[in-house]
C-alpha atoms as a PDB file:
ATOM      1  CA  MET A   1     286.134-121.756 133.894  1.00  0.00           C
ATOM      2  CA  THR A   2     285.177-117.822 133.565  1.00  0.00           C
ATOM      3  CA  THR A   3     286.443-114.733 135.525  1.00  0.00           C
ATOM      4  CA  MET A   4     282.533-113.839 136.976  1.00  0.00           C
ATOM      5  CA  PRO A   5     280.895-115.793 138.992  1.00  0.00           C
ATOM      6  CA  PRO A   6     277.263-116.319 137.853  1.00  0.00           C
ATOM      7  CA  ARG A   7     275.311-115.672 140.490  1.00  0.00           C
ATOM      8  CA  HIS A   8     274.990-112.073 142.357  1.00  0.00           C
ATOM      9  CA  ASP A   9     277.822-110.657 140.674  1.00  0.00           C
ATOM     10  CA  ASN A  10     279.870-111.161 143.204  1.00  0.00           C
ATOM     11  CA  GLY A  11     282.763-111.515 141.612  1.00  0.00           C
ATOM     12  CA  GLN A  12     285.397-108.720 139.752  1.00  0.00           C
ATOM     13  CA  HIS A  13     283.297-104.924 138.921  1.00  0.00           C
ATOM     14  CA  LEU A  14     283.582-103.602 135.490  1.00  0.00           C
ATOM     15  CA  PRO A  15     285.319-100.323 135.958  1.00  0.00           C
ATOM     16  CA  ALA A  16     282.181 -97.352 135.706  1.00  0.00           C
ATOM     17  CA  PRO A  17     283.628 -94.417 134.410  1.00  0.00           C
ATOM     18  CA  ASP A  18     283.827 -90.418 136.363  1.00  0.00           C
ATOM     19  CA  PRO A  19     281.338 -88.512 136.018  1.00  0.00           C
ATOM     20  CA  ALA A  20     282.385 -84.796 137.020  1.00  0.00           C
ATOM     21  CA  GLY A  21     285.200 -86.033 134.798  1.00  0.00           C
ATOM     22  CA  ALA A  22     282.796 -86.533 131.730  1.00  0.00           C
ATOM     23  CA  VAL A  23     280.434 -83.719 133.114  1.00  0.00           C
ATOM     24  CA  GLU A  24     284.084 -81.186 132.760  1.00  0.00           C
ATOM     25  CA  ASP A  25     284.932 -82.585 129.661  1.00  0.00           C
ATOM     26  CA  ARG A  26     281.443 -81.891 127.758  1.00  0.00           C
ATOM     27  CA  LEU A  27     281.896 -78.444 129.314  1.00  0.00           C
ATOM     28  CA  GLN A  28     285.166 -77.813 127.709  1.00  0.00           C
ATOM     29  CA  LEU A  29     284.430 -78.626 124.420  1.00  0.00           C
ATOM     30  CA  ALA A  30     280.786 -76.327 125.157  1.00  0.00           C
ATOM     31  CA  GLU A  31     282.948 -73.705 125.396  1.00  0.00           C
ATOM     32  CA  VAL A  32     285.482 -74.201 122.336  1.00  0.00           C
ATOM     33  CA  ARG A  33     282.278 -74.717 120.223  1.00  0.00           C
ATOM     34  CA  LEU A  34     280.716 -71.592 122.019  1.00  0.00           C
ATOM     35  CA  VAL A  35     283.899 -69.647 121.558  1.00  0.00           C
ATOM     36  CA  CYS A  36     283.794 -70.766 117.719  1.00  0.00           C
ATOM     37  CA  CYS A  37     280.960 -69.207 117.415  1.00  0.00           C
ATOM     38  CA  ARG A  38     281.156 -66.253 118.483  1.00  0.00           C
ATOM     39  CA  ASP A  39     284.057 -65.283 116.243  1.00  0.00           C
ATOM     40  CA  GLU A  40     282.168 -66.764 113.657  1.00  0.00           C
ATOM     41  CA  LEU A  41     279.270 -64.243 114.537  1.00  0.00           C
ATOM     42  CA  ALA A  42     281.719 -61.742 115.130  1.00  0.00           C
ATOM     43  CA  ASP A  43     283.385 -62.069 111.750  1.00  0.00           C
ATOM     44  CA  ALA A  44     280.130 -62.044 109.841  1.00  0.00           C
ATOM     45  CA  ARG A  45     278.264 -58.902 111.379  1.00  0.00           C
ATOM     46  CA  ARG A  46     282.168 -56.961 110.436  1.00  0.00           C
ATOM     47  CA  GLU A  47     281.485 -59.134 106.571  1.00  0.00           C
ATOM     48  CA  VAL A  48     277.165 -57.054 106.690  1.00  0.00           C
ATOM     49  CA  ARG A  49     278.788 -54.035 107.988  1.00  0.00           C
ATOM     50  CA  ALA A  50     281.137 -53.447 105.487  1.00  0.00           C
ATOM     51  CA  LEU A  51     278.518 -54.925 102.863  1.00  0.00           C
ATOM     52  CA  ARG A  52     276.734 -51.782 104.396  1.00  0.00           C
ATOM     53  CA  ARG A  53     278.392 -49.700 104.385  1.00  0.00           C
ATOM     54  CA  GLN A  54     280.325 -50.414  99.906  1.00  0.00           C
ATOM     55  CA  GLU A  55     276.654 -50.568  98.731  1.00  0.00           C
ATOM     56  CA  ARG A  56     275.582 -47.050 101.058  1.00  0.00           C
ATOM     57  CA  ARG A  57     278.978 -45.702  99.321  1.00  0.00           C
ATOM     58  CA  GLU A  58     277.852 -46.839  95.677  1.00  0.00           C
ATOM     59  CA  ARG A  59     274.276 -45.179  96.160  1.00  0.00           C
ATOM     60  CA  VAL A  60     275.745 -41.454  97.158  1.00  0.00           C
ATOM     61  CA  ARG A  61     278.221 -41.633  94.383  1.00  0.00           C
ATOM     62  CA  ALA A  62     275.789 -42.590  91.675  1.00  0.00           C
ATOM     63  CA  LEU A  63     273.266 -39.807  93.446  1.00  0.00           C
ATOM     64  CA  ARG A  64     276.534 -37.142  93.251  1.00  0.00           C
ATOM     65  CA  ALA A  65     277.190 -38.400  89.797  1.00  0.00           C
ATOM     66  CA  LYS A  66     273.437 -37.366  88.991  1.00  0.00           C
ATOM     67  CA  VAL A  67     272.549 -34.307  90.952  1.00  0.00           C
ATOM     68  CA  GLY A  68     276.301 -32.839  91.452  1.00  0.00           C
ATOM     69  CA  PRO A  69     275.502 -30.621  88.107  1.00  0.00           C
ATOM     70  CA  ARG A  70     273.015 -29.431  88.098  1.00  0.00           C
ATOM     71  CA  ILE A  71     274.084 -27.774  91.131  1.00  0.00           C
ATOM     72  CA  SER A  72     277.158 -27.033  90.653  1.00  0.00           C
ATOM     73  CA  ALA A  73     275.094 -24.914  87.364  1.00  0.00           C
ATOM     74  CA  CYS A  74     272.498 -23.617  89.540  1.00  0.00           C
ATOM     75  CA  CYS A  75     274.821 -22.259  91.850  1.00  0.00           C
ATOM     76  CA  PHE A  76     277.140 -21.429  89.156  1.00  0.00           C
ATOM     77  CA  VAL A  77     273.752 -19.172  88.200  1.00  0.00           C
ATOM     78  CA  GLY A  78     272.806 -18.076  91.295  1.00  0.00           C
ATOM     79  CA  LEU A  79     276.329 -16.857  92.516  1.00  0.00           C
ATOM     80  CA  ALA A  80     276.721 -14.543  88.709  1.00  0.00           C
ATOM     81  CA  GLY A  81     273.703 -13.347  88.704  1.00  0.00           C
ATOM     82  CA  THR A  82     274.027 -11.767  92.887  1.00  0.00           C
ATOM     83  CA  GLY A  83     277.641 -10.788  91.484  1.00  0.00           C
ATOM     84  CA  SER A  84     275.573  -9.093  88.944  1.00  0.00           C
ATOM     85  CA  ALA A  85     272.911  -8.022  90.229  1.00  0.00           C
ATOM     86  CA  GLY A  86     275.313  -6.468  93.422  1.00  0.00           C
ATOM     87  CA  PHE A  87     277.162  -4.197  90.860  1.00  0.00           C
ATOM     88  CA  VAL A  88     274.457  -3.066  89.325  1.00  0.00           C
ATOM     89  CA  VAL A  89     273.691  -2.167  93.264  1.00  0.00           C
ATOM     90  CA  ALA A  90     276.707  -0.316  92.671  1.00  0.00           C
ATOM     91  CA  VAL A  91     276.666   1.197  90.371  1.00  0.00           C
ATOM     92  CA  VAL A  92     273.661   3.170  91.860  1.00  0.00           C
ATOM     93  CA  LEU A  93     274.556   3.741  94.648  1.00  0.00           C
ATOM     94  CA  LEU A  94     278.475   5.932  93.320  1.00  0.00           C
ATOM     95  CA  LEU A  95     275.387   7.515  90.834  1.00  0.00           C
ATOM     96  CA  MET A  96     273.346   8.550  94.265  1.00  0.00           C
ATOM     97  CA  GLY A  97     277.366   9.745  96.317  1.00  0.00           C
ATOM     98  CA  GLU A  98     276.973   6.973  98.558  1.00  0.00           C
ATOM     99  CA  LEU A  99     280.431   5.619  98.523  1.00  0.00           C
ATOM    100  CA  SER A 100     281.323   3.617 101.042  1.00  0.00           C
ATOM    101  CA  LYS A 101     278.008   1.869 100.785  1.00  0.00           C
ATOM    102  CA  ALA A 102     279.248   1.003  96.481  1.00  0.00           C
ATOM    103  CA  LYS A 103     282.132  -0.081  98.451  1.00  0.00           C
ATOM    104  CA  ASP A 104     280.284  -2.526 100.006  1.00  0.00           C
ATOM    105  CA  VAL A 105     278.313  -4.254  97.687  1.00  0.00           C
ATOM    106  CA  LEU A 106     281.354  -3.605  94.902  1.00  0.00           C
ATOM    107  CA  THR A 107     283.319  -5.668  97.553  1.00  0.00           C
ATOM    108  CA  PHE A 108     279.948  -8.603  97.640  1.00  0.00           C
ATOM    109  CA  ALA A 109     279.213  -8.680  93.313  1.00  0.00           C
ATOM    110  CA  GLY A 110     283.636  -9.610  93.580  1.00  0.00           C
ATOM    111  CA  VAL A 111     283.456 -12.108  95.799  1.00  0.00           C
ATOM    112  CA  ALA A 112     280.006 -13.653  95.131  1.00  0.00           C
ATOM    113  CA  TRP A 113     282.276 -13.182  90.817  1.00  0.00           C
ATOM    114  CA  GLY A 114     285.121 -14.839  91.889  1.00  0.00           C
ATOM    115  CA  GLY A 115     282.783 -18.346  93.395  1.00  0.00           C
ATOM    116  CA  ALA A 116     281.126 -18.418  90.905  1.00  0.00           C
ATOM    117  CA  ALA A 117     284.259 -18.544  88.264  1.00  0.00           C
ATOM    118  CA  ALA A 118     285.667 -20.896  90.962  1.00  0.00           C
ATOM    119  CA  ILE A 119     282.692 -22.862  90.706  1.00  0.00           C
ATOM    120  CA  ARG A 120     282.938 -22.350  86.486  1.00  0.00           C
ATOM    121  CA  THR A 121     286.887 -24.047  86.685  1.00  0.00           C
ATOM    122  CA  ARG A 122     286.137 -26.424  89.277  1.00  0.00           C
ATOM    123  CA  ARG A 123     283.189 -28.204  86.714  1.00  0.00           C
ATOM    124  CA  ARG A 124     285.184 -28.397  83.779  1.00  0.00           C
END
């Protein structure tokens, strides 16, 4: 004897899966995967930004190491030359009797020489 009669399927019915529950389960699973993917994407973007920042810092460091001494030498020479020229102009103004103008130019020359001295000590 069988539990199901052979004709017209009029016997015991097998339980059918609930389609709404299955869809909700799949939807929840998809949402969990989406959240994981978003987290992984955010981590990947953070890592890319960090790598770009590190690369940029290395490029700037190399450029400063290459160009820095030349710039400081040029600034030193420029400020020392400007200070010397200002001193010569101040002496000429003193000889011409322009005391107030000579003081201003002498101050300018002193500031230029001070800047040159500061760059020179920083360079060493």
